[in-house]
């Protein structure tokens, strides 16, 4: 299947397979994860998640501000249209990521331990 994909997508897929294999090998080796390591990973995820949310919020607010400037006649309509489309794509991507996170959470909760 990987042979059918080309370019950077193939590189990304191969890299993901390598990381998955390395993680599986670490788990098979029985290396216990410390509570401190889990806390650091959680803080990193939290901070990255909040940074992403702030970036999406900033993008949407910039688009709203450009609409006001366009109505006042200070900006060209095409520039505003491009920014609004960019903002819409950013928000759609953020919602797709949110949905994937929720699906992953539900899948983990369905697992039997």
N, C-alpha and C. Protein backbone atom coordinates (compact mmCIF):
# COMPACT_ATOMS: atom_id res chain seq x y z
N UNK A 1 0.83 -1.19 0.00
CA UNK A 1 0.00 0.00 0.00
C UNK A 1 0.87 1.25 0.00
N UNK A 2 1.98 1.22 0.73
CA UNK A 2 2.85 2.39 0.81
C UNK A 2 3.48 2.67 -0.54
N UNK A 3 3.68 1.63 -1.38
CA UNK A 3 4.29 1.83 -2.68
C UNK A 3 3.42 2.67 -3.60
N UNK A 4 2.11 2.67 -3.38
CA UNK A 4 1.20 3.43 -4.22
C UNK A 4 1.22 4.92 -3.91
N UNK A 5 1.69 5.29 -2.75
CA UNK A 5 1.72 6.68 -2.33
C UNK A 5 3.09 7.26 -2.66
N UNK A 6 3.13 8.50 -3.12
CA UNK A 6 4.40 9.09 -3.48
C UNK A 6 4.70 10.36 -2.71
N UNK A 7 5.93 10.83 -2.84
CA UNK A 7 6.33 12.13 -2.29
C UNK A 7 6.37 12.19 -0.79
N UNK A 8 5.98 13.34 -0.26
CA UNK A 8 6.06 13.58 1.18
C UNK A 8 5.06 12.73 1.95
N UNK A 9 3.94 12.36 1.32
CA UNK A 9 2.97 11.50 2.00
C UNK A 9 3.59 10.14 2.30
N UNK A 10 4.35 9.62 1.35
CA UNK A 10 5.01 8.32 1.56
C UNK A 10 6.02 8.42 2.69
N UNK A 11 6.79 9.49 2.71
CA UNK A 11 7.78 9.70 3.76
C UNK A 11 7.09 9.78 5.12
N UNK A 12 5.98 10.49 5.19
CA UNK A 12 5.25 10.61 6.45
C UNK A 12 4.71 9.27 6.92
N UNK A 13 4.18 8.50 6.00
CA UNK A 13 3.64 7.18 6.35
C UNK A 13 4.75 6.26 6.83
N UNK A 14 5.88 6.26 6.13
CA UNK A 14 6.99 5.41 6.55
C UNK A 14 7.53 5.83 7.91
N UNK A 15 7.58 7.14 8.15
CA UNK A 15 8.04 7.63 9.45
C UNK A 15 7.07 7.20 10.55
N UNK A 16 5.78 7.27 10.28
CA UNK A 16 4.78 6.84 11.27
C UNK A 16 4.92 5.36 11.57
N UNK A 17 5.17 4.55 10.54
CA UNK A 17 5.38 3.12 10.75
C UNK A 17 6.61 2.86 11.61
N UNK A 18 7.69 3.61 11.37
CA UNK A 18 8.91 3.44 12.16
C UNK A 18 8.66 3.81 13.62
N UNK A 19 7.95 4.93 13.85
CA UNK A 19 7.66 5.34 15.23
C UNK A 19 6.76 4.32 15.92
N UNK A 20 5.80 3.78 15.18
CA UNK A 20 4.90 2.78 15.75
C UNK A 20 5.68 1.52 16.13
N UNK A 21 6.57 1.09 15.24
CA UNK A 21 7.37 -0.10 15.52
C UNK A 21 8.28 0.12 16.72
N UNK A 22 8.87 1.30 16.83
CA UNK A 22 9.74 1.61 17.97
C UNK A 22 8.94 1.64 19.27
N UNK A 23 7.74 2.21 19.25
CA UNK A 23 6.91 2.25 20.45
C UNK A 23 6.48 0.85 20.85
N UNK A 24 6.14 0.03 19.87
CA UNK A 24 5.73 -1.34 20.17
C UNK A 24 6.89 -2.14 20.76
N UNK A 25 8.09 -1.90 20.24
CA UNK A 25 9.26 -2.58 20.76
C UNK A 25 9.55 -2.14 22.20
N UNK A 26 9.40 -0.84 22.47
CA UNK A 26 9.60 -0.34 23.83
C UNK A 26 8.61 -0.98 24.79
N UNK A 27 7.35 -1.08 24.37
CA UNK A 27 6.33 -1.68 25.22
C UNK A 27 6.57 -3.17 25.41
N UNK A 28 7.03 -3.85 24.39
CA UNK A 28 7.31 -5.28 24.50
C UNK A 28 8.50 -5.52 25.42
N UNK A 29 9.42 -4.56 25.48
CA UNK A 29 10.59 -4.70 26.35
C UNK A 29 10.25 -4.51 27.81
N UNK A 30 9.04 -4.06 28.09
CA UNK A 30 8.60 -3.91 29.47
C UNK A 30 9.16 -2.69 30.16
N UNK A 31 9.54 -1.66 29.41
CA UNK A 31 10.06 -0.44 30.03
C UNK A 31 8.90 0.31 30.65
N UNK A 32 8.83 0.34 31.99
CA UNK A 32 7.70 1.03 32.63
C UNK A 32 7.81 2.53 32.48
N UNK A 33 6.68 3.15 32.27
CA UNK A 33 6.65 4.61 32.15
C UNK A 33 6.51 5.20 33.54
N UNK A 34 7.32 6.18 33.85
CA UNK A 34 7.26 6.79 35.17
C UNK A 34 6.15 7.81 35.21
N UNK A 35 5.69 8.12 36.40
CA UNK A 35 4.63 9.12 36.56
C UNK A 35 5.12 10.49 36.12
N UNK A 36 6.40 10.76 36.35
CA UNK A 36 6.95 12.06 35.95
C UNK A 36 6.96 12.17 34.43
N UNK A 37 7.32 11.11 33.73
CA UNK A 37 7.32 11.14 32.27
C UNK A 37 5.93 11.33 31.71
N UNK A 38 4.95 10.70 32.35
CA UNK A 38 3.56 10.87 31.91
C UNK A 38 3.10 12.30 32.14
N UNK A 39 3.51 12.90 33.26
CA UNK A 39 3.09 14.28 33.55
C UNK A 39 3.70 15.25 32.56
N UNK A 40 4.97 15.03 32.19
CA UNK A 40 5.62 15.91 31.22
C UNK A 40 4.95 15.79 29.86
N UNK A 41 4.63 14.55 29.45
CA UNK A 41 3.97 14.37 28.16
C UNK A 41 2.58 15.01 28.17
N UNK A 42 1.87 14.90 29.30
CA UNK A 42 0.54 15.50 29.40
C UNK A 42 0.60 17.00 29.34
N UNK A 43 1.58 17.60 30.00
CA UNK A 43 1.71 19.05 29.98
C UNK A 43 2.05 19.52 28.57
N UNK A 44 2.88 18.79 27.88
CA UNK A 44 3.24 19.15 26.52
C UNK A 44 2.02 19.08 25.61
N UNK A 45 1.22 18.04 25.75
CA UNK A 45 0.02 17.91 24.93
C UNK A 45 -0.94 19.05 25.23
N UNK A 46 -1.13 19.34 26.53
CA UNK A 46 -2.03 20.42 26.92
C UNK A 46 -1.59 21.75 26.34
N UNK A 47 -0.31 22.04 26.45
CA UNK A 47 0.18 23.33 25.95
C UNK A 47 0.06 23.41 24.44
N UNK A 48 0.34 22.32 23.76
CA UNK A 48 0.21 22.33 22.30
C UNK A 48 -1.25 22.47 21.88
N UNK A 49 -2.13 21.81 22.59
CA UNK A 49 -3.55 21.91 22.28
C UNK A 49 -4.04 23.34 22.48
N UNK A 50 -3.66 23.96 23.59
CA UNK A 50 -4.07 25.34 23.85
C UNK A 50 -3.47 26.30 22.83
N UNK A 51 -2.22 26.07 22.42
CA UNK A 51 -1.62 26.91 21.38
C UNK A 51 -2.39 26.81 20.07
N UNK A 52 -2.81 25.59 19.73
CA UNK A 52 -3.58 25.41 18.51
C UNK A 52 -4.93 26.09 18.58
N UNK A 53 -5.58 25.99 19.72
CA UNK A 53 -6.88 26.65 19.89
C UNK A 53 -6.72 28.16 19.81
N UNK A 54 -5.68 28.69 20.43
CA UNK A 54 -5.43 30.14 20.36
C UNK A 54 -5.16 30.59 18.93
N UNK A 55 -4.42 29.76 18.16
CA UNK A 55 -4.12 30.10 16.78
C UNK A 55 -5.40 30.15 15.93
N UNK A 56 -6.28 29.18 16.12
CA UNK A 56 -7.55 29.16 15.39
C UNK A 56 -8.39 30.36 15.77
N UNK A 57 -8.45 30.66 17.06
CA UNK A 57 -9.22 31.81 17.53
C UNK A 57 -8.66 33.10 16.95
N UNK A 58 -7.35 33.24 16.91
CA UNK A 58 -6.72 34.43 16.34
C UNK A 58 -7.02 34.58 14.86
N UNK A 59 -7.02 33.46 14.15
CA UNK A 59 -7.32 33.48 12.72
C UNK A 59 -8.75 33.95 12.48
N UNK A 60 -9.69 33.45 13.25
CA UNK A 60 -11.09 33.84 13.10
C UNK A 60 -11.29 35.31 13.46
N UNK A 61 -10.64 35.76 14.52
CA UNK A 61 -10.76 37.17 14.92
C UNK A 61 -10.16 38.10 13.88
N UNK A 62 -9.04 37.68 13.25
CA UNK A 62 -8.44 38.50 12.18
C UNK A 62 -9.40 38.63 11.01
N UNK A 63 -10.07 37.54 10.66
CA UNK A 63 -11.03 37.58 9.55
C UNK A 63 -12.19 38.51 9.89
N UNK A 64 -12.66 38.46 11.13
CA UNK A 64 -13.75 39.36 11.54
C UNK A 64 -13.31 40.82 11.45
N UNK A 65 -12.09 41.10 11.87
CA UNK A 65 -11.58 42.48 11.82
C UNK A 65 -11.43 42.95 10.37
N UNK A 66 -11.04 42.04 9.48
CA UNK A 66 -10.89 42.42 8.07
C UNK A 66 -12.24 42.75 7.45
N UNK A 67 -13.29 42.07 7.86
CA UNK A 67 -14.62 42.36 7.34
C UNK A 67 -15.03 43.78 7.70
N UNK A 68 -14.76 44.16 8.93
CA UNK A 68 -15.08 45.52 9.37
C UNK A 68 -14.28 46.54 8.57
N UNK A 69 -12.99 46.26 8.35
CA UNK A 69 -12.15 47.18 7.57
C UNK A 69 -12.64 47.27 6.12
N UNK A 70 -13.11 46.15 5.56
CA UNK A 70 -13.62 46.17 4.19
C UNK A 70 -14.90 47.01 4.11
N UNK A 71 -15.76 46.88 5.13
CA UNK A 71 -16.98 47.68 5.13
C UNK A 71 -16.69 49.17 5.27
N UNK A 72 -15.60 49.49 5.93
CA UNK A 72 -15.20 50.89 6.07
C UNK A 72 -14.47 51.39 4.82
N UNK A 73 -14.17 50.48 3.88
CA UNK A 73 -13.53 50.87 2.63
C UNK A 73 -12.02 50.93 2.68
N UNK A 74 -11.40 50.37 3.71
CA UNK A 74 -9.95 50.41 3.83
C UNK A 74 -9.25 49.22 3.18
N UNK A 75 -9.99 48.16 2.86
CA UNK A 75 -9.39 46.97 2.26
C UNK A 75 -10.14 46.57 1.01
N UNK A 76 -9.44 45.84 0.15
CA UNK A 76 -10.01 45.32 -1.08
C UNK A 76 -10.85 44.08 -0.75
N UNK A 77 -11.94 43.90 -1.48
CA UNK A 77 -12.85 42.79 -1.25
C UNK A 77 -12.15 41.45 -1.44
N UNK A 78 -11.28 41.35 -2.43
CA UNK A 78 -10.60 40.08 -2.72
C UNK A 78 -9.69 39.65 -1.57
N UNK A 79 -9.02 40.61 -0.97
CA UNK A 79 -8.16 40.30 0.17
C UNK A 79 -8.99 39.76 1.34
N UNK A 80 -10.13 40.36 1.56
CA UNK A 80 -11.01 39.91 2.63
C UNK A 80 -11.56 38.52 2.32
N UNK A 81 -11.94 38.28 1.08
CA UNK A 81 -12.48 36.98 0.69
C UNK A 81 -11.45 35.87 0.90
N UNK A 82 -10.21 36.15 0.55
CA UNK A 82 -9.14 35.16 0.72
C UNK A 82 -8.93 34.88 2.21
N UNK A 83 -8.91 35.92 3.02
CA UNK A 83 -8.71 35.75 4.46
C UNK A 83 -9.88 35.00 5.09
N UNK A 84 -11.09 35.28 4.66
CA UNK A 84 -12.26 34.57 5.20
C UNK A 84 -12.20 33.09 4.82
N UNK A 85 -11.82 32.81 3.58
CA UNK A 85 -11.69 31.41 3.15
C UNK A 85 -10.61 30.70 3.96
N UNK A 86 -9.49 31.37 4.19
CA UNK A 86 -8.42 30.79 5.00
C UNK A 86 -8.90 30.53 6.42
N UNK A 87 -9.63 31.46 6.98
CA UNK A 87 -10.18 31.30 8.32
C UNK A 87 -11.16 30.13 8.37
N UNK A 88 -11.97 30.00 7.36
CA UNK A 88 -12.94 28.92 7.31
C UNK A 88 -12.24 27.56 7.22
N UNK A 89 -11.19 27.47 6.42
CA UNK A 89 -10.42 26.23 6.32
C UNK A 89 -9.74 25.88 7.64
N UNK A 90 -9.22 26.89 8.30
CA UNK A 90 -8.57 26.67 9.59
C UNK A 90 -9.57 26.15 10.62
N UNK A 91 -10.74 26.74 10.66
CA UNK A 91 -11.77 26.30 11.60
C UNK A 91 -12.26 24.89 11.26
N UNK A 92 -12.39 24.59 9.98
CA UNK A 92 -12.81 23.24 9.57
C UNK A 92 -11.76 22.21 9.96
N UNK A 93 -10.49 22.55 9.78
CA UNK A 93 -9.42 21.64 10.16
C UNK A 93 -9.42 21.42 11.67
N UNK A 94 -9.61 22.48 12.43
CA UNK A 94 -9.66 22.35 13.89
C UNK A 94 -10.81 21.45 14.32
N UNK A 95 -11.96 21.58 13.67
CA UNK A 95 -13.09 20.72 14.00
C UNK A 95 -12.82 19.27 13.62
N UNK A 96 -12.13 19.04 12.51
CA UNK A 96 -11.78 17.68 12.12
C UNK A 96 -10.83 17.05 13.14
N UNK A 97 -9.86 17.83 13.61
CA UNK A 97 -8.94 17.33 14.64
C UNK A 97 -9.70 17.03 15.92
N UNK A 98 -10.62 17.92 16.30
CA UNK A 98 -11.44 17.70 17.49
C UNK A 98 -12.23 16.41 17.38
N UNK A 99 -12.84 16.20 16.23
CA UNK A 99 -13.64 14.99 16.03
C UNK A 99 -12.77 13.74 16.11
N UNK A 100 -11.56 13.79 15.55
CA UNK A 100 -10.65 12.64 15.62
C UNK A 100 -10.23 12.37 17.06
N UNK A 101 -9.99 13.42 17.83
CA UNK A 101 -9.62 13.23 19.23
C UNK A 101 -10.77 12.59 20.02
N UNK A 102 -11.98 13.05 19.76
CA UNK A 102 -13.13 12.47 20.45
C UNK A 102 -13.32 11.01 20.04
N UNK A 103 -13.16 10.70 18.76
CA UNK A 103 -13.27 9.31 18.31
C UNK A 103 -12.21 8.44 18.95
N UNK A 104 -10.98 8.96 19.05
CA UNK A 104 -9.90 8.20 19.67
C UNK A 104 -10.20 7.97 21.15
N UNK A 105 -10.70 8.98 21.82
CA UNK A 105 -11.07 8.84 23.24
C UNK A 105 -12.14 7.77 23.42
N UNK A 106 -13.15 7.81 22.58
CA UNK A 106 -14.22 6.81 22.67
C UNK A 106 -13.70 5.41 22.40
N UNK A 107 -12.78 5.28 21.45
CA UNK A 107 -12.20 3.98 21.13
C UNK A 107 -11.39 3.45 22.32
N UNK A 108 -10.64 4.32 22.96
CA UNK A 108 -9.87 3.89 24.13
C UNK A 108 -10.81 3.49 25.26
N UNK A 109 -11.88 4.21 25.43
CA UNK A 109 -12.82 3.88 26.51
C UNK A 109 -13.53 2.54 26.25
N UNK A 110 -13.65 2.14 25.00
CA UNK A 110 -14.29 0.86 24.67
C UNK A 110 -13.35 -0.32 24.87
N UNK A 111 -12.05 -0.05 24.98
CA UNK A 111 -11.08 -1.14 25.13
C UNK A 111 -11.26 -1.81 26.49
N UNK A 112 -11.09 -3.13 26.49
CA UNK A 112 -11.14 -3.84 27.76
C UNK A 112 -9.71 -4.00 28.27
N UNK A 113 -9.57 -3.83 29.55
CA UNK A 113 -8.23 -3.89 30.14
C UNK A 113 -7.99 -5.22 30.78
